Each structure stands twice: as C-alpha cells, then as structure tokens.
Amino acid sequence: MTVTHHASAGILSDQNAAKREEIVELLTTAYWMEIETVTNYLQQSINLDGIRAKEIATDLGEDVGEELGHAKQFAARIKDLYGTVPGSADFPKDFDSGLQPFDDATDVVSVIKGVIDAESGAISHYTRIIEATDGVDWATQDMVIEILRDEEGHMRTYERYLREYI
C-alpha cells in the first residue's frame, strides 16, 4: 500500500479529505472565473473604441496580467491540495458574463457595468472560500484574502469610472 498523504494534521491530513475536496471544488470554480475574466478583459481591451474608451481599455489590458496571476495561484493551490487543475475541455459553459463582445464597440458604460458585475461575483465567491477554509486551511484562506483585496480594489476603480459616465 502506497501512502500519498503524510500530514497528520491540517488540510492535508486524511481526516480532512472531505473538506479538502470541498475546497478544491471552490478553488476550481475560482480558477475558471479568473480564466473567463482574463479572456473577457483581453477582448474588451482590444475591442473598445473611441476616445472615451481608451483609459478603460488600457486599464482592462493591465488587469489581464493580474487576473492571470490569480488563476495561477488558484491552480497551484488546487495541486497542493491533491487536486488536478482542469484543462480547456472542462471549461464550464454555464458562466453568464456581461462582458461578451458588444455590437457597439463604444459602449463603455456596459463594459464598466460588466466589470463591476464580474468583480462582485468574484468577491462573493472568494468570501465563500474564506468562510469554508476558516479554521482548517489557513494557507488557502490567506491566499484568497489577498486575492479578495485585489478584486475589491478593481471593483472600486470601476465604480469610480461609472460615476464619471452616468
């Protein structure tokens, strides 16, 4: 019999296998959320047109790297918890993003609202992960708290942008 788990305490212990699986599922959803965000921010940073859109497009383009960094962090933690990082064949088709390409490439307000919705969804999900890890997986919790701080900052930035447009 091969022993794969050596921890006698904490999230890696056999006694926490069910909780670990729950956390891996939550992290996998977070991973896909970040991958979707990277795709949508990238396309919007390219597709947006107009003088008023330039600052938003530039900001979205800069956010792509940060969001990809979040996806990498989630992927690494999934692996640390004995999970497997999914590939593109497993991409969930049920995500409903408000950031799909628009017919009007100058519709900056819709893009800003889509970003706010995406960040709000991330904040909600990451809060759920923080609650699920409390008292049992401090490493994941600490990582997600840091990512949550980034997402809150993004949302506040786009809320300020929206005030300028409405």
Protein backbone atom coordinates (compact mmCIF):
# COMPACT_ATOMS: atom_id res chain seq x y z
CA MET A 1 0.00 0.00 0.00
CA THR A 2 1.42 3.37 -1.05
CA VAL A 3 0.99 6.27 1.31
CA THR A 4 0.32 9.54 -0.51
CA HIS A 5 -0.68 11.74 2.41
CA HIS A 6 1.88 12.27 5.16
CA ALA A 7 0.29 15.06 7.18
CA SER A 8 -1.21 14.08 10.49
CA ALA A 9 -2.99 17.41 10.96
CA GLY A 10 -4.36 20.23 8.88
CA ILE A 11 -6.00 20.27 5.50
CA LEU A 12 -3.62 17.69 4.00
CA SER A 13 -4.47 15.04 6.61
CA ASP A 14 -6.70 12.10 5.77
CA GLN A 15 -9.20 13.22 8.43
CA ASN A 16 -9.85 16.39 6.38
CA ALA A 17 -10.24 14.66 2.99
CA ALA A 18 -13.90 15.65 2.55
CA LYS A 19 -13.24 19.28 3.49
CA ARG A 20 -10.22 19.31 1.18
CA GLU A 21 -12.36 18.08 -1.72
CA GLU A 22 -14.93 20.82 -1.00
CA ILE A 23 -12.18 23.44 -1.02
CA VAL A 24 -10.71 22.08 -4.26
CA GLU A 25 -14.14 22.40 -5.90
CA LEU A 26 -14.43 26.01 -4.72
CA LEU A 27 -10.90 26.75 -5.93
CA THR A 28 -11.65 25.16 -9.30
CA THR A 29 -14.65 27.45 -9.73
CA ALA A 30 -12.45 30.41 -8.78
CA TYR A 31 -9.83 29.28 -11.29
CA TRP A 32 -12.42 29.20 -14.08
CA MET A 33 -13.80 32.58 -13.03
CA GLU A 34 -10.32 34.08 -13.38
CA ILE A 35 -9.71 32.38 -16.75
CA GLU A 36 -13.03 33.76 -18.01
CA THR A 37 -12.10 37.20 -16.69
CA VAL A 38 -8.73 37.09 -18.48
CA THR A 39 -10.46 36.21 -21.75
CA ASN A 40 -13.12 38.89 -21.41
CA TYR A 41 -10.82 41.66 -20.19
CA LEU A 42 -8.42 40.90 -23.03
CA GLN A 43 -11.11 41.02 -25.72
CA GLN A 44 -12.66 44.19 -24.28
CA SER A 45 -9.25 45.88 -24.02
CA ILE A 46 -8.86 45.28 -27.76
CA ASN A 47 -12.48 45.74 -28.92
CA LEU A 48 -13.33 49.01 -27.15
CA ASP A 49 -13.17 52.03 -29.46
CA GLY A 50 -13.32 55.75 -29.02
CA ILE A 51 -11.51 58.46 -27.13
CA ARG A 52 -13.64 57.91 -24.02
CA ALA A 53 -12.85 54.20 -24.15
CA LYS A 54 -9.07 54.48 -24.25
CA GLU A 55 -8.49 54.72 -20.48
CA ILE A 56 -10.87 51.85 -19.75
CA ALA A 57 -9.33 49.67 -22.48
CA THR A 58 -5.84 50.38 -21.17
CA ASP A 59 -6.86 49.59 -17.59
CA LEU A 60 -8.51 46.32 -18.66
CA GLY A 61 -5.40 45.36 -20.59
CA GLU A 62 -3.27 45.94 -17.50
CA ASP A 63 -5.70 43.90 -15.36
CA VAL A 64 -5.28 40.85 -17.62
CA GLY A 65 -1.89 40.04 -16.12
CA GLU A 66 -3.12 40.38 -12.56
CA GLU A 67 -6.16 38.19 -13.19
CA LEU A 68 -3.97 35.57 -14.89
CA GLY A 69 -1.76 35.68 -11.80
CA HIS A 70 -4.81 34.91 -9.67
CA ALA A 71 -5.66 31.93 -11.91
CA LYS A 72 -2.10 30.65 -11.48
CA GLN A 73 -2.37 30.96 -7.70
CA PHE A 74 -5.64 29.04 -7.67
CA ALA A 75 -4.17 26.37 -9.96
CA ALA A 76 -1.12 25.91 -7.76
CA ARG A 77 -3.25 25.61 -4.63
CA ILE A 78 -5.54 23.06 -6.30
CA LYS A 79 -2.47 20.92 -6.98
CA ASP A 80 -1.14 21.45 -3.43
CA LEU A 81 -4.44 20.06 -2.12
CA TYR A 82 -4.08 16.87 -4.19
CA GLY A 83 -6.43 18.13 -6.88
CA THR A 84 -5.95 18.29 -10.63
CA VAL A 85 -6.06 21.58 -12.48
CA PRO A 86 -8.65 21.22 -15.28
CA GLY A 87 -7.97 21.78 -18.96
CA SER A 88 -9.94 23.62 -21.62
CA ALA A 89 -12.23 20.66 -22.32
CA ASP A 90 -13.64 21.16 -18.83
CA PHE A 91 -14.38 24.87 -19.27
CA PRO A 92 -17.85 25.44 -17.81
CA LYS A 93 -20.35 26.59 -20.41
CA ASP A 94 -22.81 27.91 -17.85
CA PHE A 95 -20.97 31.12 -16.99
CA ASP A 96 -23.08 34.14 -17.85
CA SER A 97 -20.73 37.00 -18.34
CA GLY A 98 -21.84 40.54 -19.02
CA LEU A 99 -18.58 41.10 -20.84
CA GLN A 100 -19.19 39.35 -24.13
CA PRO A 101 -18.32 41.46 -27.18
CA PHE A 102 -20.89 44.18 -27.84
CA ASP A 103 -22.23 45.28 -31.22
CA ASP A 104 -21.32 48.84 -30.23
CA ALA A 105 -17.59 48.96 -29.50
CA THR A 106 -18.04 52.43 -28.00
CA ASP A 107 -20.48 51.24 -25.30
CA VAL A 108 -18.09 51.93 -22.44
CA VAL A 109 -20.82 52.04 -19.79
CA SER A 110 -21.88 48.44 -20.50
CA VAL A 111 -18.28 47.28 -20.24
CA ILE A 112 -17.81 49.11 -16.94
CA LYS A 113 -21.02 47.58 -15.57
CA GLY A 114 -19.87 44.14 -16.78
CA VAL A 115 -16.56 44.54 -14.96
CA ILE A 116 -18.36 45.59 -11.77
CA ASP A 117 -20.63 42.53 -12.03
CA ALA A 118 -17.64 40.23 -12.64
CA GLU A 119 -15.71 41.65 -9.70
CA SER A 120 -18.78 41.49 -7.47
CA GLY A 121 -19.24 37.82 -8.37
CA ALA A 122 -15.59 37.12 -7.59
CA ILE A 123 -15.87 38.91 -4.25
CA SER A 124 -18.91 36.84 -3.33
CA HIS A 125 -17.29 33.54 -4.31
CA TYR A 126 -13.97 34.33 -2.65
CA THR A 127 -15.76 35.28 0.55
CA ARG A 128 -17.37 31.83 0.44
CA ILE A 129 -13.92 30.22 0.11
CA ILE A 130 -12.61 32.25 3.05
CA GLU A 131 -15.53 31.03 5.16
CA ALA A 132 -15.06 27.40 4.04
CA THR A 133 -11.36 27.42 4.89
CA ASP A 134 -11.71 29.09 8.28
CA GLY A 135 -10.07 27.03 10.99
CA VAL A 136 -8.93 24.24 8.69
CA ASP A 137 -6.91 25.62 5.75
CA TRP A 138 -5.08 28.76 6.74
CA ALA A 139 -2.79 28.78 3.70
CA THR A 140 -5.67 28.83 1.23
CA GLN A 141 -7.55 31.33 3.34
CA ASP A 142 -4.57 33.69 3.45
CA MET A 143 -4.07 33.45 -0.33
CA VAL A 144 -7.75 34.10 -1.06
CA ILE A 145 -7.88 37.07 1.34
CA GLU A 146 -5.04 38.65 -0.63
CA ILE A 147 -6.80 37.99 -3.95
CA LEU A 148 -10.07 39.31 -2.49
CA ARG A 149 -8.32 42.57 -1.64
CA ASP A 150 -7.25 42.89 -5.31
CA GLU A 151 -10.78 42.23 -6.55
CA GLU A 152 -12.28 44.76 -4.15
CA GLY A 153 -9.80 47.32 -5.45
CA HIS A 154 -10.75 46.53 -9.05
CA MET A 155 -14.44 46.87 -8.29
CA ARG A 156 -13.95 50.22 -6.56
CA THR A 157 -11.91 51.51 -9.52
CA TYR A 158 -14.69 50.66 -11.96
CA GLU A 159 -17.36 52.05 -9.65
CA ARG A 160 -15.46 55.34 -9.81
CA TYR A 161 -15.27 55.10 -13.61
CA LEU A 162 -19.02 54.51 -13.75
CA ARG A 163 -19.68 57.71 -11.75
CA GLU A 164 -17.90 59.64 -14.50
CA TYR A 165 -20.14 58.17 -17.20
CA ILE A 166 -23.59 58.39 -15.62
